[in-house]
Amino acid sequence: MIQRVLIRSGIALLYSQGFNPHPRLSLPLPKSVGLESEDELFYAQIESNESLDSELYKNLSSQMPAGFVLTNLAIHNGRVSFRPVEVEYLIQMSESEIRDVSVVADKLNGLIAAGEKIITERTVDGIGNTKTMDVGQFLKAIETTRQGIKVVSIITGRGTVRPDEIIKLLGLGAERLGISMIRKKVGWQMY
């Protein structure tokens, strides 16, 4: 979708070399299939004569499909990279579900605050092999809100906690991932 928006907007994109050239685009933090997101970052390499102005922003925004909103646009000279450092998820729930899950969320939050290990089994390949993983090091906070459970996780060079693992830790069914879990916000580091 992003590639089509950029091409339709007429931006002078840079392309890869070779038999099948592709626009030089990147999604630094792709989301899981079925996971809704309200905060995505993409970047594209463009020709240096493009300038940041309201016309470029309006042109890109006009090409976005319904439900997608361009919130910010920046042009950088030279190469830049973005690294995600923090992600906030919301698992939407009814009031009765929140009451049931808040006990588990409070217990997990206590473990996080105490720096305790939170162990889970992580599937590592397509045939079902697993490994034991301490995801407590990647959890920053779990909070009960009026809409559901908010989880803030940290992303490091060693990894992060996966959305399906968050669902599992809270004792919820796997169907929650595609039904009611939303990636609300991502914190980025630019270098």
C-alpha atoms as a PDB file:
ATOM      1  CA  MET A   1       0.000   0.000   0.000  1.00  0.00           C
ATOM      2  CA  ILE A   2       2.786   2.435   0.898  1.00  0.00           C
ATOM      3  CA  GLN A   3       4.639   1.729  -2.335  1.00  0.00           C
ATOM      4  CA  ARG A   4       1.485   2.428  -4.353  1.00  0.00           C
ATOM      5  CA  VAL A   5       0.807   5.665  -2.455  1.00  0.00           C
ATOM      6  CA  LEU A   6       4.349   6.925  -3.123  1.00  0.00           C
ATOM      7  CA  ILE A   7       4.243   6.010  -6.809  1.00  0.00           C
ATOM      8  CA  ARG A   8       0.781   7.551  -7.349  1.00  0.00           C
ATOM      9  CA  SER A   9       1.893  10.750  -5.594  1.00  0.00           C
ATOM     10  CA  GLY A  10       4.643  11.259  -8.183  1.00  0.00           C
ATOM     11  CA  ILE A  11       7.567  11.425  -5.732  1.00  0.00           C
ATOM     12  CA  ALA A  12      10.909  10.829  -7.461  1.00  0.00           C
ATOM     13  CA  LEU A  13      11.833   7.561  -5.735  1.00  0.00           C
ATOM     14  CA  LEU A  14      15.227   5.890  -5.932  1.00  0.00           C
ATOM     15  CA  TYR A  15      15.148   2.298  -7.150  1.00  0.00           C
ATOM     16  CA  SER A  16      17.345  -0.731  -6.561  1.00  0.00           C
ATOM     17  CA  GLN A  17      19.600  -1.891  -9.381  1.00  0.00           C
ATOM     18  CA  GLY A  18      19.267  -5.109 -11.351  1.00  0.00           C
ATOM     19  CA  PHE A  19      16.772  -6.982 -13.467  1.00  0.00           C
ATOM     20  CA  ASN A  20      13.738  -6.227 -11.261  1.00  0.00           C
ATOM     21  CA  PRO A  21      14.226  -2.761  -9.716  1.00  0.00           C
ATOM     22  CA  HIS A  22      12.140  -1.932  -6.623  1.00  0.00           C
ATOM     23  CA  PRO A  23      11.673   1.384  -4.815  1.00  0.00           C
ATOM     24  CA  ARG A  24      14.033   1.690  -1.843  1.00  0.00           C
ATOM     25  CA  LEU A  25      11.498   1.534   0.993  1.00  0.00           C
ATOM     26  CA  SER A  26      11.687   0.278   4.537  1.00  0.00           C
ATOM     27  CA  LEU A  27       9.266  -0.532   7.363  1.00  0.00           C
ATOM     28  CA  PRO A  28      11.625  -0.668  10.361  1.00  0.00           C
ATOM     29  CA  LEU A  29       9.081  -2.424  12.633  1.00  0.00           C
ATOM     30  CA  PRO A  30       6.714  -4.597  10.600  1.00  0.00           C
ATOM     31  CA  LYS A  31       3.670  -5.690  12.569  1.00  0.00           C
ATOM     32  CA  SER A  32       2.305  -9.184  13.030  1.00  0.00           C
ATOM     33  CA  VAL A  33      -0.332 -10.306  10.532  1.00  0.00           C
ATOM     34  CA  GLY A  34      -3.775  -9.347  11.809  1.00  0.00           C
ATOM     35  CA  LEU A  35      -2.465  -6.847  14.368  1.00  0.00           C
ATOM     36  CA  GLU A  36      -4.045  -3.405  14.077  1.00  0.00           C
ATOM     37  CA  SER A  37      -1.682  -0.437  14.359  1.00  0.00           C
ATOM     38  CA  GLU A  38      -2.166   3.279  14.918  1.00  0.00           C
ATOM     39  CA  ASP A  39       1.513   4.223  14.657  1.00  0.00           C
ATOM     40  CA  GLU A  40       3.656   3.105  11.719  1.00  0.00           C
ATOM     41  CA  LEU A  41       6.896   4.491  10.330  1.00  0.00           C
ATOM     42  CA  PHE A  42       8.109   3.993   6.812  1.00  0.00           C
ATOM     43  CA  TYR A  43      10.905   5.619   4.937  1.00  0.00           C
ATOM     44  CA  ALA A  44      11.793   5.857   1.301  1.00  0.00           C
ATOM     45  CA  GLN A  45      14.895   7.004  -0.502  1.00  0.00           C
ATOM     46  CA  ILE A  46      14.039   9.833  -2.873  1.00  0.00           C
ATOM     47  CA  GLU A  47      15.944  12.016  -5.290  1.00  0.00           C
ATOM     48  CA  SER A  48      17.650  14.902  -3.540  1.00  0.00           C
ATOM     49  CA  ASN A  49      15.757  17.617  -5.403  1.00  0.00           C
ATOM     50  CA  GLU A  50      12.530  16.888  -3.506  1.00  0.00           C
ATOM     51  CA  SER A  51      11.650  19.527  -0.951  1.00  0.00           C
ATOM     52  CA  LEU A  52       9.515  19.412   2.160  1.00  0.00           C
ATOM     53  CA  ASP A  53       6.492  21.565   1.573  1.00  0.00           C
ATOM     54  CA  SER A  54       2.755  21.487   2.133  1.00  0.00           C
ATOM     55  CA  GLU A  55       2.125  20.403  -1.478  1.00  0.00           C
ATOM     56  CA  LEU A  56       4.151  17.203  -1.016  1.00  0.00           C
ATOM     57  CA  TYR A  57       2.324  16.436   2.233  1.00  0.00           C
ATOM     58  CA  LYS A  58      -1.077  17.122   0.658  1.00  0.00           C
ATOM     59  CA  ASN A  59      -0.202  15.051  -2.406  1.00  0.00           C
ATOM     60  CA  LEU A  60       0.812  12.043  -0.294  1.00  0.00           C
ATOM     61  CA  SER A  61      -2.190  12.405   2.009  1.00  0.00           C
ATOM     62  CA  SER A  62      -4.593  12.516  -0.922  1.00  0.00           C
ATOM     63  CA  GLN A  63      -3.328   9.122  -2.116  1.00  0.00           C
ATOM     64  CA  MET A  64      -3.867   7.355   1.233  1.00  0.00           C
ATOM     65  CA  PRO A  65      -6.757   4.866   1.282  1.00  0.00           C
ATOM     66  CA  ALA A  66      -9.653   5.276   3.708  1.00  0.00           C
ATOM     67  CA  GLY A  67      -8.579   4.605   7.303  1.00  0.00           C
ATOM     68  CA  PHE A  68      -4.942   5.630   6.765  1.00  0.00           C
ATOM     69  CA  VAL A  69      -3.695   9.048   7.837  1.00  0.00           C
ATOM     70  CA  LEU A  70      -0.273  10.577   7.197  1.00  0.00           C
ATOM     71  CA  THR A  71       0.562  12.303  10.480  1.00  0.00           C
ATOM     72  CA  ASN A  72       4.085  13.540   9.851  1.00  0.00           C
ATOM     73  CA  LEU A  73       6.559  13.971   7.004  1.00  0.00           C
ATOM     74  CA  ALA A  74      10.262  14.717   7.227  1.00  0.00           C
ATOM     75  CA  ILE A  75      13.020  14.801   4.622  1.00  0.00           C
ATOM     76  CA  HIS A  76      16.592  14.087   5.739  1.00  0.00           C
ATOM     77  CA  ASN A  77      19.754  14.717   3.752  1.00  0.00           C
ATOM     78  CA  GLY A  78      21.958  11.645   3.589  1.00  0.00           C
ATOM     79  CA  ARG A  79      21.274   8.256   5.058  1.00  0.00           C
ATOM     80  CA  VAL A  80      19.391   7.832   8.309  1.00  0.00           C
ATOM     81  CA  SER A  81      18.259   4.749  10.154  1.00  0.00           C
ATOM     82  CA  PHE A  82      15.487   4.270  12.656  1.00  0.00           C
ATOM     83  CA  ARG A  83      15.480   1.792  15.504  1.00  0.00           C
ATOM     84  CA  PRO A  84      12.364   1.059  17.547  1.00  0.00           C
ATOM     85  CA  VAL A  85      13.011   1.260  21.300  1.00  0.00           C
ATOM     86  CA  GLU A  86       9.570   0.994  22.879  1.00  0.00           C
ATOM     87  CA  VAL A  87       6.090  -0.204  21.870  1.00  0.00           C
ATOM     88  CA  GLU A  88       2.725   0.351  23.529  1.00  0.00           C
ATOM     89  CA  TYR A  89      -0.095  -2.148  22.958  1.00  0.00           C
ATOM     90  CA  LEU A  90      -3.732  -1.999  24.024  1.00  0.00           C
ATOM     91  CA  ILE A  91      -5.810  -5.144  24.391  1.00  0.00           C
ATOM     92  CA  GLN A  92      -9.417  -3.956  24.265  1.00  0.00           C
ATOM     93  CA  MET A  93     -11.807  -5.681  26.679  1.00  0.00           C
ATOM     94  CA  SER A  94     -15.210  -5.425  28.277  1.00  0.00           C
ATOM     95  CA  GLU A  95     -15.462  -4.270  31.912  1.00  0.00           C
ATOM     96  CA  SER A  96     -15.973  -7.826  33.197  1.00  0.00           C
ATOM     97  CA  GLU A  97     -12.975  -9.107  31.209  1.00  0.00           C
ATOM     98  CA  ILE A  98     -10.828  -6.269  32.574  1.00  0.00           C
ATOM     99  CA  ARG A  99     -11.764  -7.251  36.152  1.00  0.00           C
ATOM    100  CA  ASP A 100     -10.796 -10.884  35.465  1.00  0.00           C
ATOM    101  CA  VAL A 101      -7.482 -10.094  33.746  1.00  0.00           C
ATOM    102  CA  SER A 102      -6.458  -7.210  36.049  1.00  0.00           C
ATOM    103  CA  VAL A 103      -5.395  -9.694  38.757  1.00  0.00           C
ATOM    104  CA  VAL A 104      -2.920 -11.338  36.367  1.00  0.00           C
ATOM    105  CA  ALA A 105      -1.818  -7.912  35.043  1.00  0.00           C
ATOM    106  CA  ASP A 106      -1.149  -6.661  38.593  1.00  0.00           C
ATOM    107  CA  LYS A 107       0.875  -9.782  39.399  1.00  0.00           C
ATOM    108  CA  LEU A 108       2.959  -9.368  36.206  1.00  0.00           C
ATOM    109  CA  ASN A 109       3.481  -5.679  36.954  1.00  0.00           C
ATOM    110  CA  GLY A 110       4.780  -6.612  40.405  1.00  0.00           C
ATOM    111  CA  LEU A 111       7.271  -9.041  38.835  1.00  0.00           C
ATOM    112  CA  ILE A 112       8.394  -6.340  36.393  1.00  0.00           C
ATOM    113  CA  ALA A 113       8.882  -3.785  39.201  1.00  0.00           C
ATOM    114  CA  ALA A 114      10.906  -6.324  41.221  1.00  0.00           C
ATOM    115  CA  GLY A 115      13.081  -7.189  38.224  1.00  0.00           C
ATOM    116  CA  GLU A 116      11.975 -10.825  38.400  1.00  0.00           C
ATOM    117  CA  LYS A 117      12.159 -13.214  35.470  1.00  0.00           C
ATOM    118  CA  ILE A 118       8.981 -13.864  33.517  1.00  0.00           C
ATOM    119  CA  ILE A 119       9.501 -17.101  31.635  1.00  0.00           C
ATOM    120  CA  THR A 120       7.602 -18.159  28.522  1.00  0.00           C
ATOM    121  CA  GLU A 121       8.004 -20.745  25.784  1.00  0.00           C
ATOM    122  CA  ARG A 122       8.816 -19.184  22.409  1.00  0.00           C
ATOM    123  CA  THR A 123       8.219 -21.058  19.156  1.00  0.00           C
ATOM    124  CA  VAL A 124      11.391 -20.733  17.110  1.00  0.00           C
ATOM    125  CA  ASP A 125      10.565 -22.463  13.823  1.00  0.00           C
ATOM    126  CA  GLY A 126       7.781 -23.749  11.602  1.00  0.00           C
ATOM    127  CA  ILE A 127       7.828 -27.274  13.007  1.00  0.00           C
ATOM    128  CA  GLY A 128       7.033 -26.263  16.569  1.00  0.00           C
ATOM    129  CA  ASN A 129      10.427 -26.275  18.285  1.00  0.00           C
ATOM    130  CA  THR A 130      10.459 -23.990  21.313  1.00  0.00           C
ATOM    131  CA  LYS A 131      12.933 -22.389  23.658  1.00  0.00           C
ATOM    132  CA  THR A 132      12.541 -20.970  27.145  1.00  0.00           C
ATOM    133  CA  MET A 133      12.722 -17.188  27.192  1.00  0.00           C
ATOM    134  CA  ASP A 134      12.782 -14.526  29.929  1.00  0.00           C
ATOM    135  CA  VAL A 135      10.459 -11.829  28.553  1.00  0.00           C
ATOM    136  CA  GLY A 136      10.411  -9.899  31.836  1.00  0.00           C
ATOM    137  CA  GLN A 137      13.478  -7.982  30.691  1.00  0.00           C
ATOM    138  CA  PHE A 138      11.439  -6.620  27.759  1.00  0.00           C
ATOM    139  CA  LEU A 139       8.329  -5.566  29.690  1.00  0.00           C
ATOM    140  CA  LYS A 140       8.233  -2.021  31.047  1.00  0.00           C
ATOM    141  CA  ALA A 141       4.668  -1.780  32.392  1.00  0.00           C
ATOM    142  CA  ILE A 142       1.261  -3.437  32.333  1.00  0.00           C
ATOM    143  CA  GLU A 143      -1.642  -1.178  33.245  1.00  0.00           C
ATOM    144  CA  THR A 144      -5.395  -1.603  33.501  1.00  0.00           C
ATOM    145  CA  THR A 145      -7.297   1.173  31.684  1.00  0.00           C
ATOM    146  CA  ARG A 146     -10.995   1.796  30.997  1.00  0.00           C
ATOM    147  CA  GLN A 147     -10.548   0.349  27.486  1.00  0.00           C
ATOM    148  CA  GLY A 148      -8.584  -2.751  28.493  1.00  0.00           C
ATOM    149  CA  ILE A 149      -5.002  -3.682  29.327  1.00  0.00           C
ATOM    150  CA  LYS A 150      -2.116  -1.437  28.209  1.00  0.00           C
ATOM    151  CA  VAL A 151       1.282  -3.092  27.836  1.00  0.00           C
ATOM    152  CA  VAL A 152       4.511  -1.151  27.254  1.00  0.00           C
ATOM    153  CA  SER A 153       7.421  -3.236  26.017  1.00  0.00           C
ATOM    154  CA  ILE A 154      11.061  -2.428  25.372  1.00  0.00           C
ATOM    155  CA  ILE A 155      12.914  -3.369  22.190  1.00  0.00           C
ATOM    156  CA  THR A 156      16.651  -4.000  22.517  1.00  0.00           C
ATOM    157  CA  GLY A 157      19.380  -5.571  20.422  1.00  0.00           C
ATOM    158  CA  ARG A 158      18.668  -8.797  22.349  1.00  0.00           C
ATOM    159  CA  GLY A 159      15.017  -8.815  21.288  1.00  0.00           C
ATOM    160  CA  THR A 160      11.578  -8.000  22.632  1.00  0.00           C
ATOM    161  CA  VAL A 161       8.388  -9.668  23.796  1.00  0.00           C
ATOM    162  CA  ARG A 162       6.057 -10.677  20.959  1.00  0.00           C
ATOM    163  CA  PRO A 163       2.372  -9.675  20.880  1.00  0.00           C
ATOM    164  CA  ASP A 164       1.279 -13.347  21.007  1.00  0.00           C
ATOM    165  CA  GLU A 165       3.440 -13.863  24.104  1.00  0.00           C
ATOM    166  CA  ILE A 166       1.773 -10.885  25.816  1.00  0.00           C
ATOM    167  CA  ILE A 167      -1.634 -12.425  25.134  1.00  0.00           C
ATOM    168  CA  LYS A 168      -0.432 -15.759  26.528  1.00  0.00           C
ATOM    169  CA  LEU A 169       1.083 -14.180  29.672  1.00  0.00           C
ATOM    170  CA  LEU A 170      -2.243 -12.511  30.449  1.00  0.00           C
ATOM    171  CA  GLY A 171      -4.019 -15.860  30.122  1.00  0.00           C
ATOM    172  CA  LEU A 172      -6.039 -14.812  27.078  1.00  0.00           C
ATOM    173  CA  GLY A 173      -6.839 -16.862  23.990  1.00  0.00           C
ATOM    174  CA  ALA A 174      -4.755 -16.508  20.822  1.00  0.00           C
ATOM    175  CA  GLU A 175      -7.776 -15.068  18.964  1.00  0.00           C
ATOM    176  CA  ARG A 176      -7.259 -11.775  20.865  1.00  0.00           C
ATOM    177  CA  LEU A 177      -4.246 -10.996  18.695  1.00  0.00           C
ATOM    178  CA  GLY A 178      -6.318 -10.383  15.568  1.00  0.00           C
ATOM    179  CA  ILE A 179      -9.512  -9.202  17.219  1.00  0.00           C
ATOM    180  CA  SER A 180      -8.790  -6.703  19.953  1.00  0.00           C
ATOM    181  CA  MET A 181      -5.037  -5.994  20.189  1.00  0.00           C
ATOM    182  CA  ILE A 182      -3.797  -2.662  18.823  1.00  0.00           C
ATOM    183  CA  ARG A 183      -0.266  -1.309  18.539  1.00  0.00           C
ATOM    184  CA  LYS A 184      -0.923   2.228  19.807  1.00  0.00           C
ATOM    185  CA  LYS A 185       2.476   3.894  19.848  1.00  0.00           C
ATOM    186  CA  VAL A 186       6.109   3.227  18.919  1.00  0.00           C
ATOM    187  CA  GLY A 187       9.136   5.095  20.310  1.00  0.00           C
ATOM    188  CA  TRP A 188      11.952   5.543  17.781  1.00  0.00           C
ATOM    189  CA  GLN A 189      15.647   6.324  17.934  1.00  0.00           C
ATOM    190  CA  MET A 190      17.134   7.918  14.822  1.00  0.00           C
ATOM    191  CA  TYR A 191      20.823   7.536  14.016  1.00  0.00           C
END
